[in-house]
Amino acid sequence: MTLDDYATPEQAADRLGIHPETVRRLIRQGDIIAMKVWGQYLIYRPDLERFAAGYDPNYKAPAAQRRHMRRVALRAAIERITSQ
């Protein structure tokens, strides 16, 4: 993997059509999986595309559904990291 395989919150915001701070909030909530490198969040582009495919900036999911989606995303990230 190279740095080109990752997006910054600004690039993710452009892709999703939202403000970069909203991307950071989604990361803090666990909705978008990212890692922090030298104080900068980096989002694996395939994970971003997977998130973008089901993301509607105007939809507010119930809390239980958000928790479930975070668990699913976390499992996928752990599987990706451990399979390397």
PDB file of N, CA and C in Angstrom:
ATOM      1  N   MET A   1       0.827  -1.176   0.000  1.00  0.00           N
ATOM      2  CA  MET A   1       0.000   0.000   0.000  1.00  0.00           C
ATOM      3  C   MET A   1       0.874   1.244   0.000  1.00  0.00           C
ATOM      4  N   THR A   2       0.387   2.242  -0.699  1.00  0.00           N
ATOM      5  CA  THR A   2       1.084   3.516  -0.738  1.00  0.00           C
ATOM      6  C   THR A   2       0.172   4.597  -0.168  1.00  0.00           C
ATOM      7  N   LEU A   3       0.718   5.780  -0.017  1.00  0.00           N
ATOM      8  CA  LEU A   3      -0.061   6.902   0.491  1.00  0.00           C
ATOM      9  C   LEU A   3      -1.227   7.241  -0.440  1.00  0.00           C
ATOM     10  N   ASP A   4      -1.090   6.913  -1.732  1.00  0.00           N
ATOM     11  CA  ASP A   4      -2.177   7.159  -2.681  1.00  0.00           C
ATOM     12  C   ASP A   4      -3.396   6.286  -2.401  1.00  0.00           C
ATOM     13  N   ASP A   5      -3.220   5.233  -1.610  1.00  0.00           N
ATOM     14  CA  ASP A   5      -4.333   4.352  -1.242  1.00  0.00           C
ATOM     15  C   ASP A   5      -5.197   4.946  -0.135  1.00  0.00           C
ATOM     16  N   TYR A   6      -4.822   6.116   0.373  1.00  0.00           N
ATOM     17  CA  TYR A   6      -5.513   6.746   1.494  1.00  0.00           C
ATOM     18  C   TYR A   6      -5.992   8.141   1.120  1.00  0.00           C
ATOM     19  N   ALA A   7      -7.091   8.538   1.746  1.00  0.00           N
ATOM     20  CA  ALA A   7      -7.658   9.874   1.524  1.00  0.00           C
ATOM     21  C   ALA A   7      -7.595  10.666   2.825  1.00  0.00           C
ATOM     22  N   THR A   8      -7.431  11.965   2.700  1.00  0.00           N
ATOM     23  CA  THR A   8      -7.501  12.861   3.852  1.00  0.00           C
ATOM     24  C   THR A   8      -8.969  13.197   4.104  1.00  0.00           C
ATOM     25  N   PRO A   9      -9.291  13.764   5.255  1.00  0.00           N
ATOM     26  CA  PRO A   9     -10.678  14.185   5.488  1.00  0.00           C
ATOM     27  C   PRO A   9     -11.174  15.191   4.437  1.00  0.00           C
ATOM     28  N   GLU A  10     -10.288  16.033   3.942  1.00  0.00           N
ATOM     29  CA  GLU A  10     -10.672  17.003   2.919  1.00  0.00           C
ATOM     30  C   GLU A  10     -11.053  16.298   1.612  1.00  0.00           C
ATOM     31  N   GLN A  11     -10.261  15.296   1.231  1.00  0.00           N
ATOM     32  CA  GLN A  11     -10.567  14.533   0.019  1.00  0.00           C
ATOM     33  C   GLN A  11     -11.849  13.718   0.204  1.00  0.00           C
ATOM     34  N   ALA A  12     -12.022  13.147   1.383  1.00  0.00           N
ATOM     35  CA  ALA A  12     -13.239  12.390   1.676  1.00  0.00           C
ATOM     36  C   ALA A  12     -14.462  13.312   1.638  1.00  0.00           C
ATOM     37  N   ALA A  13     -14.309  14.523   2.162  1.00  0.00           N
ATOM     38  CA  ALA A  13     -15.414  15.487   2.154  1.00  0.00           C
ATOM     39  C   ALA A  13     -15.817  15.829   0.720  1.00  0.00           C
ATOM     40  N   ASP A  14     -14.842  16.026  -0.143  1.00  0.00           N
ATOM     41  CA  ASP A  14     -15.141  16.284  -1.557  1.00  0.00           C
ATOM     42  C   ASP A  14     -15.897  15.107  -2.164  1.00  0.00           C
ATOM     43  N   ARG A  15     -15.466  13.902  -1.857  1.00  0.00           N
ATOM     44  CA  ARG A  15     -16.098  12.697  -2.405  1.00  0.00           C
ATOM     45  C   ARG A  15     -17.535  12.539  -1.912  1.00  0.00           C
ATOM     46  N   LEU A  16     -17.772  12.882  -0.629  1.00  0.00           N
ATOM     47  CA  LEU A  16     -19.082  12.697  -0.022  1.00  0.00           C
ATOM     48  C   LEU A  16     -19.998  13.916  -0.168  1.00  0.00           C
ATOM     49  N   GLY A  17     -19.421  15.049  -0.555  1.00  0.00           N
ATOM     50  CA  GLY A  17     -20.223  16.272  -0.695  1.00  0.00           C
ATOM     51  C   GLY A  17     -20.601  16.892   0.643  1.00  0.00           C
ATOM     52  N   ILE A  18     -19.703  16.767   1.624  1.00  0.00           N
ATOM     53  CA  ILE A  18     -19.954  17.322   2.954  1.00  0.00           C
ATOM     54  C   ILE A  18     -18.732  18.114   3.407  1.00  0.00           C
ATOM     55  N   HIS A  19     -18.832  18.760   4.539  1.00  0.00           N
ATOM     56  CA  HIS A  19     -17.743  19.566   5.092  1.00  0.00           C
ATOM     57  C   HIS A  19     -16.675  18.656   5.709  1.00  0.00           C
ATOM     58  N   PRO A  20     -15.392  19.016   5.616  1.00  0.00           N
ATOM     59  CA  PRO A  20     -14.331  18.190   6.212  1.00  0.00           C
ATOM     60  C   PRO A  20     -14.522  17.928   7.709  1.00  0.00           C
ATOM     61  N   GLU A  21     -15.067  18.892   8.434  1.00  0.00           N
ATOM     62  CA  GLU A  21     -15.294  18.671   9.865  1.00  0.00           C
ATOM     63  C   GLU A  21     -16.360  17.603  10.094  1.00  0.00           C
ATOM     64  N   THR A  22     -17.316  17.484   9.185  1.00  0.00           N
ATOM     65  CA  THR A  22     -18.315  16.427   9.280  1.00  0.00           C
ATOM     66  C   THR A  22     -17.644  15.063   9.110  1.00  0.00           C
ATOM     67  N   VAL A  23     -16.672  14.994   8.196  1.00  0.00           N
ATOM     68  CA  VAL A  23     -15.913  13.745   8.017  1.00  0.00           C
ATOM     69  C   VAL A  23     -15.181  13.409   9.309  1.00  0.00           C
ATOM     70  N   ARG A  24     -14.545  14.398   9.922  1.00  0.00           N
ATOM     71  CA  ARG A  24     -13.827  14.147  11.182  1.00  0.00           C
ATOM     72  C   ARG A  24     -14.793  13.680  12.274  1.00  0.00           C
ATOM     73  N   ARG A  25     -15.986  14.253  12.321  1.00  0.00           N
ATOM     74  CA  ARG A  25     -16.991  13.830  13.298  1.00  0.00           C
ATOM     75  C   ARG A  25     -17.404  12.381  13.042  1.00  0.00           C
ATOM     76  N   LEU A  26     -17.614  12.030  11.763  1.00  0.00           N
ATOM     77  CA  LEU A  26     -17.971  10.656  11.417  1.00  0.00           C
ATOM     78  C   LEU A  26     -16.853   9.688  11.806  1.00  0.00           C
ATOM     79  N   ILE A  27     -15.613  10.135  11.685  1.00  0.00           N
ATOM     80  CA  ILE A  27     -14.469   9.308  12.108  1.00  0.00           C
ATOM     81  C   ILE A  27     -14.506   9.134  13.625  1.00  0.00           C
ATOM     82  N   ARG A  28     -14.676  10.234  14.355  1.00  0.00           N
ATOM     83  CA  ARG A  28     -14.706  10.156  15.824  1.00  0.00           C
ATOM     84  C   ARG A  28     -15.851   9.276  16.314  1.00  0.00           C
ATOM     85  N   GLN A  29     -16.981   9.291  15.606  1.00  0.00           N
ATOM     86  CA  GLN A  29     -18.129   8.462  15.975  1.00  0.00           C
ATOM     87  C   GLN A  29     -17.922   7.003  15.601  1.00  0.00           C
ATOM     88  N   GLY A  30     -16.924   6.733  14.770  1.00  0.00           N
ATOM     89  CA  GLY A  30     -16.671   5.371  14.338  1.00  0.00           C
ATOM     90  C   GLY A  30     -17.425   4.974  13.089  1.00  0.00           C
ATOM     91  N   ASP A  31     -18.098   5.922  12.447  1.00  0.00           N
ATOM     92  CA  ASP A  31     -18.837   5.619  11.219  1.00  0.00           C
ATOM     93  C   ASP A  31     -17.895   5.437  10.031  1.00  0.00           C
ATOM     94  N   ILE A  32     -16.809   6.191  10.026  1.00  0.00           N
ATOM     95  CA  ILE A  32     -15.769   6.037   9.001  1.00  0.00           C
ATOM     96  C   ILE A  32     -14.519   5.548   9.726  1.00  0.00           C
ATOM     97  N   ILE A  33     -13.945   4.474   9.227  1.00  0.00           N
ATOM     98  CA  ILE A  33     -12.722   3.929   9.827  1.00  0.00           C
ATOM     99  C   ILE A  33     -11.525   4.691   9.262  1.00  0.00           C
ATOM    100  N   ALA A  34     -10.689   5.193  10.145  1.00  0.00           N
ATOM    101  CA  ALA A  34      -9.499   5.935   9.730  1.00  0.00           C
ATOM    102  C   ALA A  34      -8.393   5.688  10.745  1.00  0.00           C
ATOM    103  N   MET A  35      -7.180   5.974  10.329  1.00  0.00           N
ATOM    104  CA  MET A  35      -6.063   5.929  11.268  1.00  0.00           C
ATOM    105  C   MET A  35      -5.451   7.321  11.328  1.00  0.00           C
ATOM    106  N   LYS A  36      -4.833   7.604  12.445  1.00  0.00           N
ATOM    107  CA  LYS A  36      -4.231   8.912  12.631  1.00  0.00           C
ATOM    108  C   LYS A  36      -2.719   8.776  12.535  1.00  0.00           C
ATOM    109  N   VAL A  37      -2.132   9.498  11.602  1.00  0.00           N
ATOM    110  CA  VAL A  37      -0.690   9.469  11.387  1.00  0.00           C
ATOM    111  C   VAL A  37      -0.170  10.894  11.487  1.00  0.00           C
ATOM    112  N   TRP A  38       0.684  11.137  12.461  1.00  0.00           N
ATOM    113  CA  TRP A  38       1.263  12.463  12.692  1.00  0.00           C
ATOM    114  C   TRP A  38       0.179  13.528  12.793  1.00  0.00           C
ATOM    115  N   GLY A  39      -0.900  13.213  13.504  1.00  0.00           N
ATOM    116  CA  GLY A  39      -1.968  14.172  13.740  1.00  0.00           C
ATOM    117  C   GLY A  39      -2.947  14.327  12.599  1.00  0.00           C
ATOM    118  N   GLN A  40      -2.795  13.537  11.534  1.00  0.00           N
ATOM    119  CA  GLN A  40      -3.660  13.634  10.356  1.00  0.00           C
ATOM    120  C   GLN A  40      -4.409  12.324  10.168  1.00  0.00           C
ATOM    121  N   TYR A  41      -5.730  12.413  10.022  1.00  0.00           N
ATOM    122  CA  TYR A  41      -6.509  11.210   9.727  1.00  0.00           C
ATOM    123  C   TYR A  41      -6.264  10.769   8.292  1.00  0.00           C
ATOM    124  N   LEU A  42      -6.147   9.457   8.102  1.00  0.00           N
ATOM    125  CA  LEU A  42      -6.053   8.869   6.773  1.00  0.00           C
ATOM    126  C   LEU A  42      -7.112   7.779   6.660  1.00  0.00           C
ATOM    127  N   ILE A  43      -7.850   7.806   5.563  1.00  0.00           N
ATOM    128  CA  ILE A  43      -8.945   6.872   5.327  1.00  0.00           C
ATOM    129  C   ILE A  43      -8.579   6.011   4.135  1.00  0.00           C
ATOM    130  N   TYR A  44      -8.615   4.702   4.321  1.00  0.00           N
ATOM    131  CA  TYR A  44      -8.324   3.767   3.243  1.00  0.00           C
ATOM    132  C   TYR A  44      -9.397   3.957   2.163  1.00  0.00           C
ATOM    133  N   ARG A  45      -8.966   4.245   0.929  1.00  0.00           N
ATOM    134  CA  ARG A  45      -9.920   4.608  -0.132  1.00  0.00           C
ATOM    135  C   ARG A  45     -11.009   3.556  -0.390  1.00  0.00           C
ATOM    136  N   PRO A  46     -10.691   2.252  -0.420  1.00  0.00           N
ATOM    137  CA  PRO A  46     -11.777   1.279  -0.587  1.00  0.00           C
ATOM    138  C   PRO A  46     -12.807   1.346   0.551  1.00  0.00           C
ATOM    139  N   ASP A  47     -12.349   1.621   1.787  1.00  0.00           N
ATOM    140  CA  ASP A  47     -13.287   1.792   2.894  1.00  0.00           C
ATOM    141  C   ASP A  47     -14.149   3.029   2.683  1.00  0.00           C
ATOM    142  N   LEU A  48     -13.542   4.095   2.178  1.00  0.00           N
ATOM    143  CA  LEU A  48     -14.286   5.320   1.887  1.00  0.00           C
ATOM    144  C   LEU A  48     -15.347   5.072   0.819  1.00  0.00           C
ATOM    145  N   GLU A  49     -14.978   4.346  -0.226  1.00  0.00           N
ATOM    146  CA  GLU A  49     -15.939   4.053  -1.299  1.00  0.00           C
ATOM    147  C   GLU A  49     -17.081   3.175  -0.791  1.00  0.00           C
ATOM    148  N   ARG A  50     -16.759   2.225   0.077  1.00  0.00           N
ATOM    149  CA  ARG A  50     -17.793   1.365   0.667  1.00  0.00           C
ATOM    150  C   ARG A  50     -18.751   2.209   1.509  1.00  0.00           C
ATOM    151  N   PHE A  51     -18.189   3.137   2.289  1.00  0.00           N
ATOM    152  CA  PHE A  51     -19.019   4.024   3.099  1.00  0.00           C
ATOM    153  C   PHE A  51     -19.860   4.931   2.198  1.00  0.00           C
ATOM    154  N   ALA A  52     -19.240   5.485   1.163  1.00  0.00           N
ATOM    155  CA  ALA A  52     -19.936   6.415   0.270  1.00  0.00           C
ATOM    156  C   ALA A  52     -21.100   5.750  -0.448  1.00  0.00           C
ATOM    157  N   ALA A  53     -20.968   4.465  -0.745  1.00  0.00           N
ATOM    158  CA  ALA A  53     -22.025   3.754  -1.466  1.00  0.00           C
ATOM    159  C   ALA A  53     -23.333   3.737  -0.681  1.00  0.00           C
ATOM    160  N   GLY A  54     -23.252   3.751   0.634  1.00  0.00           N
ATOM    161  CA  GLY A  54     -24.467   3.703   1.434  1.00  0.00           C
ATOM    162  C   GLY A  54     -24.752   4.973   2.206  1.00  0.00           C
ATOM    163  N   TYR A  55     -24.000   6.038   1.931  1.00  0.00           N
ATOM    164  CA  TYR A  55     -24.124   7.260   2.715  1.00  0.00           C
ATOM    165  C   TYR A  55     -25.099   8.240   2.080  1.00  0.00           C
ATOM    166  N   ASP A  56     -26.010   8.730   2.900  1.00  0.00           N
ATOM    167  CA  ASP A  56     -26.923   9.801   2.491  1.00  0.00           C
ATOM    168  C   ASP A  56     -26.765  10.909   3.524  1.00  0.00           C
ATOM    169  N   PRO A  57     -26.209  12.053   3.144  1.00  0.00           N
ATOM    170  CA  PRO A  57     -25.949  13.102   4.134  1.00  0.00           C
ATOM    171  C   PRO A  57     -27.217  13.640   4.804  1.00  0.00           C
ATOM    172  N   ASN A  58     -28.378  13.362   4.242  1.00  0.00           N
ATOM    173  CA  ASN A  58     -29.622  13.870   4.814  1.00  0.00           C
ATOM    174  C   ASN A  58     -30.338  12.859   5.702  1.00  0.00           C
ATOM    175  N   TYR A  59     -29.818  11.618   5.783  1.00  0.00           N
ATOM    176  CA  TYR A  59     -30.470  10.564   6.563  1.00  0.00           C
ATOM    177  C   TYR A  59     -29.845  10.463   7.948  1.00  0.00           C
ATOM    178  N   LYS A  60     -30.671  10.362   8.961  1.00  0.00           N
ATOM    179  CA  LYS A  60     -30.194  10.176  10.335  1.00  0.00           C
ATOM    180  C   LYS A  60     -30.642   8.800  10.811  1.00  0.00           C
ATOM    181  N   ALA A  61     -29.710   7.858  10.881  1.00  0.00           N
ATOM    182  CA  ALA A  61     -30.022   6.490  11.293  1.00  0.00           C
ATOM    183  C   ALA A  61     -30.269   6.439  12.794  1.00  0.00           C
ATOM    184  N   PRO A  62     -31.113   5.510  13.230  1.00  0.00           N
ATOM    185  CA  PRO A  62     -31.293   5.315  14.672  1.00  0.00           C
ATOM    186  C   PRO A  62     -29.963   4.905  15.318  1.00  0.00           C
ATOM    187  N   ALA A  63     -29.802   5.229  16.575  1.00  0.00           N
ATOM    188  CA  ALA A  63     -28.543   4.971  17.280  1.00  0.00           C
ATOM    189  C   ALA A  63     -28.141   3.500  17.225  1.00  0.00           C
ATOM    190  N   ALA A  64     -29.087   2.588  17.380  1.00  0.00           N
ATOM    191  CA  ALA A  64     -28.762   1.155  17.351  1.00  0.00           C
ATOM    192  C   ALA A  64     -28.195   0.750  15.997  1.00  0.00           C
ATOM    193  N   GLN A  65     -28.748   1.301  14.937  1.00  0.00           N
ATOM    194  CA  GLN A  65     -28.249   0.980  13.600  1.00  0.00           C
ATOM    195  C   GLN A  65     -26.843   1.544  13.401  1.00  0.00           C
ATOM    196  N   ARG A  66     -26.589   2.750  13.905  1.00  0.00           N
ATOM    197  CA  ARG A  66     -25.242   3.334  13.778  1.00  0.00           C
ATOM    198  C   ARG A  66     -24.222   2.485  14.516  1.00  0.00           C
ATOM    199  N   ARG A  67     -24.590   2.008  15.716  1.00  0.00           N
ATOM    200  CA  ARG A  67     -23.668   1.154  16.488  1.00  0.00           C
ATOM    201  C   ARG A  67     -23.379  -0.134  15.724  1.00  0.00           C
ATOM    202  N   HIS A  68     -24.397  -0.723  15.134  1.00  0.00           N
ATOM    203  CA  HIS A  68     -24.214  -1.950  14.361  1.00  0.00           C
ATOM    204  C   HIS A  68     -23.285  -1.697  13.169  1.00  0.00           C
ATOM    205  N   MET A  69     -23.491  -0.602  12.454  1.00  0.00           N
ATOM    206  CA  MET A  69     -22.665  -0.294  11.286  1.00  0.00           C
ATOM    207  C   MET A  69     -21.216  -0.057  11.703  1.00  0.00           C
ATOM    208  N   ARG A  70     -21.008   0.571  12.859  1.00  0.00           N
ATOM    209  CA  ARG A  70     -19.641   0.786  13.344  1.00  0.00           C
ATOM    210  C   ARG A  70     -18.970  -0.551  13.641  1.00  0.00           C
ATOM    211  N   ARG A  71     -19.705  -1.491  14.269  1.00  0.00           N
ATOM    212  CA  ARG A  71     -19.131  -2.803  14.565  1.00  0.00           C
ATOM    213  C   ARG A  71     -18.763  -3.543  13.288  1.00  0.00           C
ATOM    214  N   VAL A  72     -19.618  -3.475  12.283  1.00  0.00           N
ATOM    215  CA  VAL A  72     -19.348  -4.151  11.009  1.00  0.00           C
ATOM    216  C   VAL A  72     -18.115  -3.532  10.350  1.00  0.00           C
ATOM    217  N   ALA A  73     -18.030  -2.211  10.337  1.00  0.00           N
ATOM    218  CA  ALA A  73     -16.886  -1.532   9.728  1.00  0.00           C
ATOM    219  C   ALA A  73     -15.601  -1.851  10.482  1.00  0.00           C
ATOM    220  N   LEU A  74     -15.677  -1.917  11.803  1.00  0.00           N
ATOM    221  CA  LEU A  74     -14.494  -2.226  12.602  1.00  0.00           C
ATOM    222  C   LEU A  74     -14.018  -3.644  12.329  1.00  0.00           C
ATOM    223  N   ARG A  75     -14.961  -4.594  12.239  1.00  0.00           N
ATOM    224  CA  ARG A  75     -14.572  -5.972  11.919  1.00  0.00           C
ATOM    225  C   ARG A  75     -13.868  -6.042  10.571  1.00  0.00           C
ATOM    226  N   ALA A  76     -14.387  -5.317   9.576  1.00  0.00           N
ATOM    227  CA  ALA A  76     -13.780  -5.324   8.237  1.00  0.00           C
ATOM    228  C   ALA A  76     -12.365  -4.751   8.301  1.00  0.00           C
ATOM    229  N   ALA A  77     -12.177  -3.693   9.071  1.00  0.00           N
ATOM    230  CA  ALA A  77     -10.854  -3.089   9.180  1.00  0.00           C
ATOM    231  C   ALA A  77      -9.881  -4.040   9.869  1.00  0.00           C
ATOM    232  N   ILE A  78     -10.334  -4.709  10.910  1.00  0.00           N
ATOM    233  CA  ILE A  78      -9.461  -5.649  11.620  1.00  0.00           C
ATOM    234  C   ILE A  78      -9.080  -6.816  10.713  1.00  0.00           C
ATOM    235  N   GLU A  79     -10.042  -7.328   9.955  1.00  0.00           N
ATOM    236  CA  GLU A  79      -9.746  -8.417   9.028  1.00  0.00           C
ATOM    237  C   GLU A  79      -8.734  -7.979   7.972  1.00  0.00           C
ATOM    238  N   ARG A  80      -8.876  -6.747   7.469  1.00  0.00           N
ATOM    239  CA  ARG A  80      -7.955  -6.244   6.454  1.00  0.00           C
ATOM    240  C   ARG A  80      -6.540  -6.134   7.020  1.00  0.00           C
ATOM    241  N   ILE A  81      -6.438  -5.621   8.245  1.00  0.00           N
ATOM    242  CA  ILE A  81      -5.121  -5.422   8.857  1.00  0.00           C
ATOM    243  C   ILE A  81      -4.468  -6.768   9.187  1.00  0.00           C
ATOM    244  N   THR A  82      -5.239  -7.699   9.728  1.00  0.00           N
ATOM    245  CA  THR A  82      -4.656  -8.988  10.118  1.00  0.00           C
ATOM    246  C   THR A  82      -4.339  -9.884   8.942  1.00  0.00           C
ATOM    247  N   SER A  83      -4.949  -9.633   7.778  1.00  0.00           N
ATOM    248  CA  SER A  83      -4.674 -10.472   6.615  1.00  0.00           C
ATOM    249  C   SER A  83      -3.439 -10.019   5.838  1.00  0.00           C
ATOM    250  N   GLN A  84      -2.837  -8.923   6.243  1.00  0.00           N
ATOM    251  CA  GLN A  84      -1.651  -8.417   5.531  1.00  0.00           C
ATOM    252  C   GLN A  84      -0.402  -9.149   5.939  1.00  0.00           C
TER     253      GLN A  84
END
